[in-house]
Each structure stands twice: as C-alpha cells, then as structure tokens.
Amino acid sequence: MRKIVGTFGESMLELSKEDIKNNPDKPQVRFYDDGELIGIFSLETLDVLYDNDMADYDVRFAKKEISRNRENWLETWEDYVKGIAHA
C-alpha cells in the first residue's frame, strides 16, 4: 500500500482483497482521497473502471502513480491470486 500525503489531504492507492477474490483476471487499483473511494483503475490498461466524480487532476495523478509501479502492482496482484487459489 502506497500513501501520498500532500497539502490538500491524503490520497491512497490500494489493491483490494475483495477485488482480487471477485475478479482475479481483472487486476485493478482503488484510489482513495481523504478516505473516500473516488476511483478504480485497470492495472492492465490504466482505464478508469469507476469514477466517483474525480477531477481531471485526480485521474492524471493516479495514472502517473500507478504507471510508476505498475509491474510491482501486477506482481503483487498475481501473488495474491496464487495464494487464494492454493488456500
């Protein structure tokens, strides 16, 4: 889980175990702003899957942060999927 803290509050990107269980073939990242879910992005395409009134700035910011560590996010997603399959 990576947290970004700035002047305007706290933004957080996270992998959700619920998403992994429900859609193991569709890796996605949740984007929170001040504790409120404002978006969900595809890890494969960076497309917005859910938009709760995100500003253009929010979308650009999230995509930039996700793309910086995309390979790590995907690797972690796959590790969780394998763990769930063998649990």
PDB file of N, CA and C in Angstrom:
ATOM      1  N   MET A   1       0.837  -1.163   0.000  1.00  0.00           N
ATOM      2  CA  MET A   1       0.000   0.000   0.000  1.00  0.00           C
ATOM      3  C   MET A   1       0.890   1.238   0.000  1.00  0.00           C
ATOM      4  N   ARG A   2       0.632   2.125  -0.916  1.00  0.00           N
ATOM      5  CA  ARG A   2       1.435   3.344  -1.028  1.00  0.00           C
ATOM      6  C   ARG A   2       0.569   4.546  -0.688  1.00  0.00           C
ATOM      7  N   LYS A   3       1.032   5.367   0.228  1.00  0.00           N
ATOM      8  CA  LYS A   3       0.285   6.558   0.616  1.00  0.00           C
ATOM      9  C   LYS A   3       1.021   7.795   0.132  1.00  0.00           C
ATOM     10  N   ILE A   4       0.253   8.745  -0.362  1.00  0.00           N
ATOM     11  CA  ILE A   4       0.800  10.016  -0.797  1.00  0.00           C
ATOM     12  C   ILE A   4       0.124  11.095   0.042  1.00  0.00           C
ATOM     13  N   VAL A   5       0.900  11.828   0.819  1.00  0.00           N
ATOM     14  CA  VAL A   5       0.348  12.862   1.684  1.00  0.00           C
ATOM     15  C   VAL A   5       0.785  14.212   1.150  1.00  0.00           C
ATOM     16  N   GLY A   6      -0.164  15.120   0.996  1.00  0.00           N
ATOM     17  CA  GLY A   6       0.167  16.440   0.478  1.00  0.00           C
ATOM     18  C   GLY A   6      -0.628  17.526   1.175  1.00  0.00           C
ATOM     19  N   THR A   7      -0.488  18.705   0.666  1.00  0.00           N
ATOM     20  CA  THR A   7      -1.131  19.878   1.244  1.00  0.00           C
ATOM     21  C   THR A   7      -2.652  19.766   1.231  1.00  0.00           C
ATOM     22  N   PHE A   8      -3.196  19.102   0.237  1.00  0.00           N
ATOM     23  CA  PHE A   8      -4.641  19.061   0.062  1.00  0.00           C
ATOM     24  C   PHE A   8      -5.297  17.861   0.721  1.00  0.00           C
ATOM     25  N   GLY A   9      -4.561  17.075   1.470  1.00  0.00           N
ATOM     26  CA  GLY A   9      -5.138  15.911   2.126  1.00  0.00           C
ATOM     27  C   GLY A   9      -4.322  14.675   1.845  1.00  0.00           C
ATOM     28  N   GLU A  10      -4.973  13.548   1.965  1.00  0.00           N
ATOM     29  CA  GLU A  10      -4.279  12.277   1.796  1.00  0.00           C
ATOM     30  C   GLU A  10      -4.921  11.483   0.670  1.00  0.00           C
ATOM     31  N   SER A  11      -4.096  11.020  -0.254  1.00  0.00           N
ATOM     32  CA  SER A  11      -4.545  10.158  -1.334  1.00  0.00           C
ATOM     33  C   SER A  11      -3.867   8.814  -1.169  1.00  0.00           C
ATOM     34  N   MET A  12      -4.589   7.739  -1.509  1.00  0.00           N
ATOM     35  CA  MET A  12      -4.036   6.415  -1.317  1.00  0.00           C
ATOM     36  C   MET A  12      -4.476   5.503  -2.457  1.00  0.00           C
ATOM     37  N   LEU A  13      -3.542   4.711  -2.934  1.00  0.00           N
ATOM     38  CA  LEU A  13      -3.822   3.674  -3.913  1.00  0.00           C
ATOM     39  C   LEU A  13      -3.705   2.339  -3.195  1.00  0.00           C
ATOM     40  N   GLU A  14      -4.634   1.416  -3.480  1.00  0.00           N
ATOM     41  CA  GLU A  14      -4.544   0.119  -2.813  1.00  0.00           C
ATOM     42  C   GLU A  14      -5.100  -0.993  -3.680  1.00  0.00           C
ATOM     43  N   LEU A  15      -4.563  -2.182  -3.461  1.00  0.00           N
ATOM     44  CA  LEU A  15      -5.134  -3.391  -4.019  1.00  0.00           C
ATOM     45  C   LEU A  15      -6.130  -3.905  -2.993  1.00  0.00           C
ATOM     46  N   SER A  16      -7.302  -4.289  -3.438  1.00  0.00           N
ATOM     47  CA  SER A  16      -8.346  -4.770  -2.541  1.00  0.00           C
ATOM     48  C   SER A  16      -8.446  -6.289  -2.632  1.00  0.00           C
ATOM     49  N   LYS A  17      -8.387  -6.954  -1.483  1.00  0.00           N
ATOM     50  CA  LYS A  17      -8.542  -8.414  -1.474  1.00  0.00           C
ATOM     51  C   LYS A  17      -9.910  -8.808  -2.017  1.00  0.00           C
ATOM     52  N   GLU A  18     -10.911  -7.974  -1.778  1.00  0.00           N
ATOM     53  CA  GLU A  18     -12.254  -8.223  -2.305  1.00  0.00           C
ATOM     54  C   GLU A  18     -12.236  -8.230  -3.836  1.00  0.00           C
ATOM     55  N   ASP A  19     -11.558  -7.259  -4.442  1.00  0.00           N
ATOM     56  CA  ASP A  19     -11.443  -7.206  -5.903  1.00  0.00           C
ATOM     57  C   ASP A  19     -10.694  -8.423  -6.427  1.00  0.00           C
ATOM     58  N   ILE A  20      -9.651  -8.823  -5.719  1.00  0.00           N
ATOM     59  CA  ILE A  20      -8.852  -9.975  -6.149  1.00  0.00           C
ATOM     60  C   ILE A  20      -9.700 -11.241  -6.127  1.00  0.00           C
ATOM     61  N   LYS A  21     -10.497 -11.419  -5.083  1.00  0.00           N
ATOM     62  CA  LYS A  21     -11.353 -12.607  -4.984  1.00  0.00           C
ATOM     63  C   LYS A  21     -12.462 -12.589  -6.032  1.00  0.00           C
ATOM     64  N   ASN A  22     -13.074 -11.418  -6.234  1.00  0.00           N
ATOM     65  CA  ASN A  22     -14.217 -11.317  -7.146  1.00  0.00           C
ATOM     66  C   ASN A  22     -13.825 -11.296  -8.617  1.00  0.00           C
ATOM     67  N   ASN A  23     -12.686 -10.716  -8.939  1.00  0.00           N
ATOM     68  CA  ASN A  23     -12.246 -10.573 -10.333  1.00  0.00           C
ATOM     69  C   ASN A  23     -10.755 -10.864 -10.463  1.00  0.00           C
ATOM     70  N   PRO A  24     -10.333 -12.095 -10.206  1.00  0.00           N
ATOM     71  CA  PRO A  24      -8.892 -12.374 -10.234  1.00  0.00           C
ATOM     72  C   PRO A  24      -8.238 -12.142 -11.595  1.00  0.00           C
ATOM     73  N   ASP A  25      -9.031 -12.178 -12.665  1.00  0.00           N
ATOM     74  CA  ASP A  25      -8.484 -11.990 -14.014  1.00  0.00           C
ATOM     75  C   ASP A  25      -8.460 -10.533 -14.455  1.00  0.00           C
ATOM     76  N   LYS A  26      -8.941  -9.633 -13.601  1.00  0.00           N
ATOM     77  CA  LYS A  26      -9.007  -8.209 -13.959  1.00  0.00           C
ATOM     78  C   LYS A  26      -8.321  -7.372 -12.886  1.00  0.00           C
ATOM     79  N   PRO A  27      -6.989  -7.285 -12.934  1.00  0.00           N
ATOM     80  CA  PRO A  27      -6.256  -6.520 -11.922  1.00  0.00           C
ATOM     81  C   PRO A  27      -6.673  -5.051 -11.909  1.00  0.00           C
ATOM     82  N   GLN A  28      -6.927  -4.547 -10.711  1.00  0.00           N
ATOM     83  CA  GLN A  28      -7.349  -3.164 -10.577  1.00  0.00           C
ATOM     84  C   GLN A  28      -6.837  -2.562  -9.276  1.00  0.00           C
ATOM     85  N   VAL A  29      -6.774  -1.248  -9.270  1.00  0.00           N
ATOM     86  CA  VAL A  29      -6.298  -0.492  -8.115  1.00  0.00           C
ATOM     87  C   VAL A  29      -7.388   0.495  -7.715  1.00  0.00           C
ATOM     88  N   ARG A  30      -7.633   0.567  -6.416  1.00  0.00           N
ATOM     89  CA  ARG A  30      -8.591   1.543  -5.884  1.00  0.00           C
ATOM     90  C   ARG A  30      -7.852   2.818  -5.506  1.00  0.00           C
ATOM     91  N   PHE A  31      -8.496   3.949  -5.752  1.00  0.00           N
ATOM     92  CA  PHE A  31      -7.917   5.260  -5.458  1.00  0.00           C
ATOM     93  C   PHE A  31      -8.819   5.980  -4.461  1.00  0.00           C
ATOM     94  N   TYR A  32      -8.251   6.296  -3.302  1.00  0.00           N
ATOM     95  CA  TYR A  32      -8.986   6.978  -2.235  1.00  0.00           C
ATOM     96  C   TYR A  32      -8.432   8.380  -2.052  1.00  0.00           C
ATOM     97  N   ASP A  33      -9.315   9.303  -1.730  1.00  0.00           N
ATOM     98  CA  ASP A  33      -8.915  10.665  -1.386  1.00  0.00           C
ATOM     99  C   ASP A  33      -9.581  11.010  -0.060  1.00  0.00           C
ATOM    100  N   ASP A  34      -8.774  11.302   0.932  1.00  0.00           N
ATOM    101  CA  ASP A  34      -9.272  11.572   2.288  1.00  0.00           C
ATOM    102  C   ASP A  34     -10.222  10.476   2.766  1.00  0.00           C
ATOM    103  N   GLY A  35      -9.867   9.218   2.479  1.00  0.00           N
ATOM    104  CA  GLY A  35     -10.636   8.073   2.949  1.00  0.00           C
ATOM    105  C   GLY A  35     -11.844   7.704   2.118  1.00  0.00           C
ATOM    106  N   GLU A  36     -12.147   8.471   1.077  1.00  0.00           N
ATOM    107  CA  GLU A  36     -13.310   8.209   0.231  1.00  0.00           C
ATOM    108  C   GLU A  36     -12.865   7.597  -1.090  1.00  0.00           C
ATOM    109  N   LEU A  37     -13.507   6.483  -1.466  1.00  0.00           N
ATOM    110  CA  LEU A  37     -13.209   5.853  -2.753  1.00  0.00           C
ATOM    111  C   LEU A  37     -13.685   6.775  -3.863  1.00  0.00           C
ATOM    112  N   ILE A  38     -12.738   7.243  -4.680  1.00  0.00           N
ATOM    113  CA  ILE A  38     -13.132   8.142  -5.770  1.00  0.00           C
ATOM    114  C   ILE A  38     -12.881   7.533  -7.146  1.00  0.00           C
ATOM    115  N   GLY A  39     -12.152   6.412  -7.199  1.00  0.00           N
ATOM    116  CA  GLY A  39     -11.923   5.807  -8.499  1.00  0.00           C
ATOM    117  C   GLY A  39     -11.316   4.426  -8.410  1.00  0.00           C
ATOM    118  N   ILE A  40     -11.532   3.664  -9.460  1.00  0.00           N
ATOM    119  CA  ILE A  40     -10.897   2.357  -9.628  1.00  0.00           C
ATOM    120  C   ILE A  40     -10.314   2.339 -11.029  1.00  0.00           C
ATOM    121  N   PHE A  41      -9.056   1.892 -11.132  1.00  0.00           N
ATOM    122  CA  PHE A  41      -8.335   1.875 -12.398  1.00  0.00           C
ATOM    123  C   PHE A  41      -7.896   0.460 -12.746  1.00  0.00           C
ATOM    124  N   SER A  42      -7.931   0.134 -14.030  1.00  0.00           N
ATOM    125  CA  SER A  42      -7.393  -1.127 -14.518  1.00  0.00           C
ATOM    126  C   SER A  42      -5.873  -1.071 -14.462  1.00  0.00           C
ATOM    127  N   LEU A  43      -5.262  -2.107 -13.909  1.00  0.00           N
ATOM    128  CA  LEU A  43      -3.801  -2.168 -13.892  1.00  0.00           C
ATOM    129  C   LEU A  43      -3.239  -2.488 -15.273  1.00  0.00           C
ATOM    130  N   GLU A  44      -4.012  -3.160 -16.089  1.00  0.00           N
ATOM    131  CA  GLU A  44      -3.523  -3.555 -17.407  1.00  0.00           C
ATOM    132  C   GLU A  44      -3.557  -2.401 -18.407  1.00  0.00           C
ATOM    133  N   THR A  45      -4.607  -1.580 -18.350  1.00  0.00           N
ATOM    134  CA  THR A  45      -4.792  -0.535 -19.364  1.00  0.00           C
ATOM    135  C   THR A  45      -4.763   0.886 -18.804  1.00  0.00           C
ATOM    136  N   LEU A  46      -4.826   1.017 -17.488  1.00  0.00           N
ATOM    137  CA  LEU A  46      -4.948   2.304 -16.789  1.00  0.00           C
ATOM    138  C   LEU A  46      -6.286   2.992 -17.061  1.00  0.00           C
ATOM    139  N   ASP A  47      -7.243   2.278 -17.667  1.00  0.00           N
ATOM    140  CA  ASP A  47      -8.579   2.834 -17.887  1.00  0.00           C
ATOM    141  C   ASP A  47      -9.284   3.033 -16.552  1.00  0.00           C
ATOM    142  N   VAL A  48     -10.151   4.026 -16.500  1.00  0.00           N
ATOM    143  CA  VAL A  48     -10.974   4.266 -15.318  1.00  0.00           C
ATOM    144  C   VAL A  48     -12.142   3.284 -15.354  1.00  0.00           C
ATOM    145  N   LEU A  49     -12.255   2.442 -14.326  1.00  0.00           N
ATOM    146  CA  LEU A  49     -13.336   1.468 -14.239  1.00  0.00           C
ATOM    147  C   LEU A  49     -14.495   1.988 -13.395  1.00  0.00           C
ATOM    148  N   TYR A  50     -14.183   2.886 -12.480  1.00  0.00           N
ATOM    149  CA  TYR A  50     -15.190   3.501 -11.606  1.00  0.00           C
ATOM    150  C   TYR A  50     -14.759   4.932 -11.348  1.00  0.00           C
ATOM    151  N   ASP A  51     -15.687   5.850 -11.505  1.00  0.00           N
ATOM    152  CA  ASP A  51     -15.381   7.272 -11.319  1.00  0.00           C
ATOM    153  C   ASP A  51     -16.434   7.895 -10.415  1.00  0.00           C
ATOM    154  N   ASN A  52     -16.020   8.260  -9.211  1.00  0.00           N
ATOM    155  CA  ASN A  52     -16.912   8.925  -8.268  1.00  0.00           C
ATOM    156  C   ASN A  52     -16.589  10.417  -8.256  1.00  0.00           C
ATOM    157  N   ASP A  53     -16.821  11.047  -9.402  1.00  0.00           N
ATOM    158  CA  ASP A  53     -16.632  12.492  -9.556  1.00  0.00           C
ATOM    159  C   ASP A  53     -15.175  12.922  -9.383  1.00  0.00           C
ATOM    160  N   MET A  54     -14.263  12.156 -10.003  1.00  0.00           N
ATOM    161  CA  MET A  54     -12.845  12.530  -9.953  1.00  0.00           C
ATOM    162  C   MET A  54     -12.603  13.737 -10.847  1.00  0.00           C
ATOM    163  N   ALA A  55     -11.752  14.622 -10.389  1.00  0.00           N
ATOM    164  CA  ALA A  55     -11.307  15.741 -11.216  1.00  0.00           C
ATOM    165  C   ALA A  55     -10.286  15.223 -12.224  1.00  0.00           C
ATOM    166  N   ASP A  56     -10.090  15.950 -13.318  1.00  0.00           N
ATOM    167  CA  ASP A  56      -9.075  15.560 -14.301  1.00  0.00           C
ATOM    168  C   ASP A  56      -7.716  15.405 -13.635  1.00  0.00           C
ATOM    169  N   TYR A  57      -7.418  16.289 -12.680  1.00  0.00           N
ATOM    170  CA  TYR A  57      -6.148  16.218 -11.958  1.00  0.00           C
ATOM    171  C   TYR A  57      -6.027  14.892 -11.211  1.00  0.00           C
ATOM    172  N   ASP A  58      -7.116  14.435 -10.578  1.00  0.00           N
ATOM    173  CA  ASP A  58      -7.090  13.168  -9.848  1.00  0.00           C
ATOM    174  C   ASP A  58      -6.759  12.007 -10.780  1.00  0.00           C
ATOM    175  N   VAL A  59      -7.380  12.009 -11.948  1.00  0.00           N
ATOM    176  CA  VAL A  59      -7.159  10.931 -12.918  1.00  0.00           C
ATOM    177  C   VAL A  59      -5.704  10.931 -13.378  1.00  0.00           C
ATOM    178  N   ARG A  60      -5.184  12.092 -13.743  1.00  0.00           N
ATOM    179  CA  ARG A  60      -3.786  12.177 -14.194  1.00  0.00           C
ATOM    180  C   ARG A  60      -2.826  11.756 -13.087  1.00  0.00           C
ATOM    181  N   PHE A  61      -3.081  12.215 -11.876  1.00  0.00           N
ATOM    182  CA  PHE A  61      -2.229  11.891 -10.738  1.00  0.00           C
ATOM    183  C   PHE A  61      -2.218  10.383 -10.481  1.00  0.00           C
ATOM    184  N   ALA A  62      -3.404   9.779 -10.422  1.00  0.00           N
ATOM    185  CA  ALA A  62      -3.497   8.346 -10.150  1.00  0.00           C
ATOM    186  C   ALA A  62      -2.819   7.531 -11.248  1.00  0.00           C
ATOM    187  N   LYS A  63      -3.070   7.882 -12.505  1.00  0.00           N
ATOM    188  CA  LYS A  63      -2.455   7.142 -13.608  1.00  0.00           C
ATOM    189  C   LYS A  63      -0.936   7.243 -13.560  1.00  0.00           C
ATOM    190  N   LYS A  64      -0.425   8.407 -13.228  1.00  0.00           N
ATOM    191  CA  LYS A  64       1.023   8.590 -13.137  1.00  0.00           C
ATOM    192  C   LYS A  64       1.601   7.724 -12.024  1.00  0.00           C
ATOM    193  N   GLU A  65       0.967   7.728 -10.865  1.00  0.00           N
ATOM    194  CA  GLU A  65       1.459   6.944  -9.730  1.00  0.00           C
ATOM    195  C   GLU A  65       1.346   5.445  -9.989  1.00  0.00           C
ATOM    196  N   ILE A  66       0.253   5.023 -10.601  1.00  0.00           N
ATOM    197  CA  ILE A  66       0.075   3.602 -10.913  1.00  0.00           C
ATOM    198  C   ILE A  66       1.116   3.157 -11.930  1.00  0.00           C
ATOM    199  N   SER A  67       1.329   3.952 -12.970  1.00  0.00           N
ATOM    200  CA  SER A  67       2.275   3.556 -14.018  1.00  0.00           C
ATOM    201  C   SER A  67       3.709   3.491 -13.505  1.00  0.00           C
ATOM    202  N   ARG A  68       4.037   4.295 -12.504  1.00  0.00           N
ATOM    203  CA  ARG A  68       5.385   4.251 -11.924  1.00  0.00           C
ATOM    204  C   ARG A  68       5.719   2.880 -11.342  1.00  0.00           C
ATOM    205  N   ASN A  69       4.726   2.235 -10.762  1.00  0.00           N
ATOM    206  CA  ASN A  69       4.951   0.957 -10.088  1.00  0.00           C
ATOM    207  C   ASN A  69       4.057  -0.146 -10.635  1.00  0.00           C
ATOM    208  N   ARG A  70       3.662   0.000 -11.866  1.00  0.00           N
ATOM    209  CA  ARG A  70       2.709  -0.932 -12.466  1.00  0.00           C
ATOM    210  C   ARG A  70       3.160  -2.382 -12.379  1.00  0.00           C
ATOM    211  N   GLU A  71       4.415  -2.638 -12.692  1.00  0.00           N
ATOM    212  CA  GLU A  71       4.915  -4.020 -12.652  1.00  0.00           C
ATOM    213  C   GLU A  71       4.840  -4.593 -11.237  1.00  0.00           C
ATOM    214  N   ASN A  72       5.166  -3.788 -10.240  1.00  0.00           N
ATOM    215  CA  ASN A  72       5.075  -4.246  -8.850  1.00  0.00           C
ATOM    216  C   ASN A  72       3.628  -4.518  -8.451  1.00  0.00           C
ATOM    217  N   TRP A  73       2.723  -3.619  -8.874  1.00  0.00           N
ATOM    218  CA  TRP A  73       1.307  -3.825  -8.572  1.00  0.00           C
ATOM    219  C   TRP A  73       0.827  -5.145  -9.189  1.00  0.00           C
ATOM    220  N   LEU A  74       1.177  -5.376 -10.456  1.00  0.00           N
ATOM    221  CA  LEU A  74       0.742  -6.598 -11.139  1.00  0.00           C
ATOM    222  C   LEU A  74       1.339  -7.843 -10.489  1.00  0.00           C
ATOM    223  N   GLU A  75       2.595  -7.774 -10.095  1.00  0.00           N
ATOM    224  CA  GLU A  75       3.244  -8.903  -9.430  1.00  0.00           C
ATOM    225  C   GLU A  75       2.557  -9.208  -8.093  1.00  0.00           C
ATOM    226  N   THR A  76       2.245  -8.178  -7.349  1.00  0.00           N
ATOM    227  CA  THR A  76       1.558  -8.364  -6.069  1.00  0.00           C
ATOM    228  C   THR A  76       0.172  -8.950  -6.286  1.00  0.00           C
ATOM    229  N   TRP A  77      -0.537  -8.455  -7.304  1.00  0.00           N
ATOM    230  CA  TRP A  77      -1.865  -8.984  -7.633  1.00  0.00           C
ATOM    231  C   TRP A  77      -1.761 -10.477  -7.919  1.00  0.00           C
ATOM    232  N   GLU A  78      -0.814 -10.861  -8.774  1.00  0.00           N
ATOM    233  CA  GLU A  78      -0.638 -12.272  -9.129  1.00  0.00           C
ATOM    234  C   GLU A  78      -0.286 -13.121  -7.913  1.00  0.00           C
ATOM    235  N   ASP A  79       0.550 -12.598  -7.023  1.00  0.00           N
ATOM    236  CA  ASP A  79       0.901 -13.324  -5.799  1.00  0.00           C
ATOM    237  C   ASP A  79      -0.339 -13.587  -4.950  1.00  0.00           C
ATOM    238  N   TYR A  80      -1.205 -12.593  -4.829  1.00  0.00           N
ATOM    239  CA  TYR A  80      -2.443 -12.772  -4.072  1.00  0.00           C
ATOM    240  C   TYR A  80      -3.360 -13.779  -4.754  1.00  0.00           C
ATOM    241  N   VAL A  81      -3.469 -13.715  -6.078  1.00  0.00           N
ATOM    242  CA  VAL A  81      -4.315 -14.655  -6.813  1.00  0.00           C
ATOM    243  C   VAL A  81      -3.819 -16.077  -6.590  1.00  0.00           C
ATOM    244  N   LYS A  82      -2.522 -16.293  -6.674  1.00  0.00           N
ATOM    245  CA  LYS A  82      -1.953 -17.626  -6.435  1.00  0.00           C
ATOM    246  C   LYS A  82      -2.213 -18.081  -5.008  1.00  0.00           C
ATOM    247  N   GLY A  83      -2.087 -17.169  -4.058  1.00  0.00           N
ATOM    248  CA  GLY A  83      -2.338 -17.503  -2.657  1.00  0.00           C
ATOM    249  C   GLY A  83      -3.780 -17.897  -2.415  1.00  0.00           C
ATOM    250  N   ILE A  84      -4.702 -17.198  -3.056  1.00  0.00           N
ATOM    251  CA  ILE A  84      -6.125 -17.505  -2.909  1.00  0.00           C
ATOM    252  C   ILE A  84      -6.435 -18.852  -3.548  1.00  0.00           C
ATOM    253  N   ALA A  85      -5.828 -19.129  -4.695  1.00  0.00           N
ATOM    254  CA  ALA A  85      -6.075 -20.386  -5.400  1.00  0.00           C
ATOM    255  C   ALA A  85      -5.581 -21.582  -4.598  1.00  0.00           C
ATOM    256  N   HIS A  86      -4.530 -21.395  -3.809  1.00  0.00           N
ATOM    257  CA  HIS A  86      -3.955 -22.506  -3.048  1.00  0.00           C
ATOM    258  C   HIS A  86      -4.409 -22.526  -1.594  1.00  0.00           C
ATOM    259  N   ALA A  87      -5.296 -21.610  -1.238  1.00  0.00           N
ATOM    260  CA  ALA A  87      -5.746 -21.547   0.169  1.00  0.00           C
ATOM    261  C   ALA A  87      -6.806 -22.580   0.456  1.00  0.00           C
TER     262      ALA A  87
END
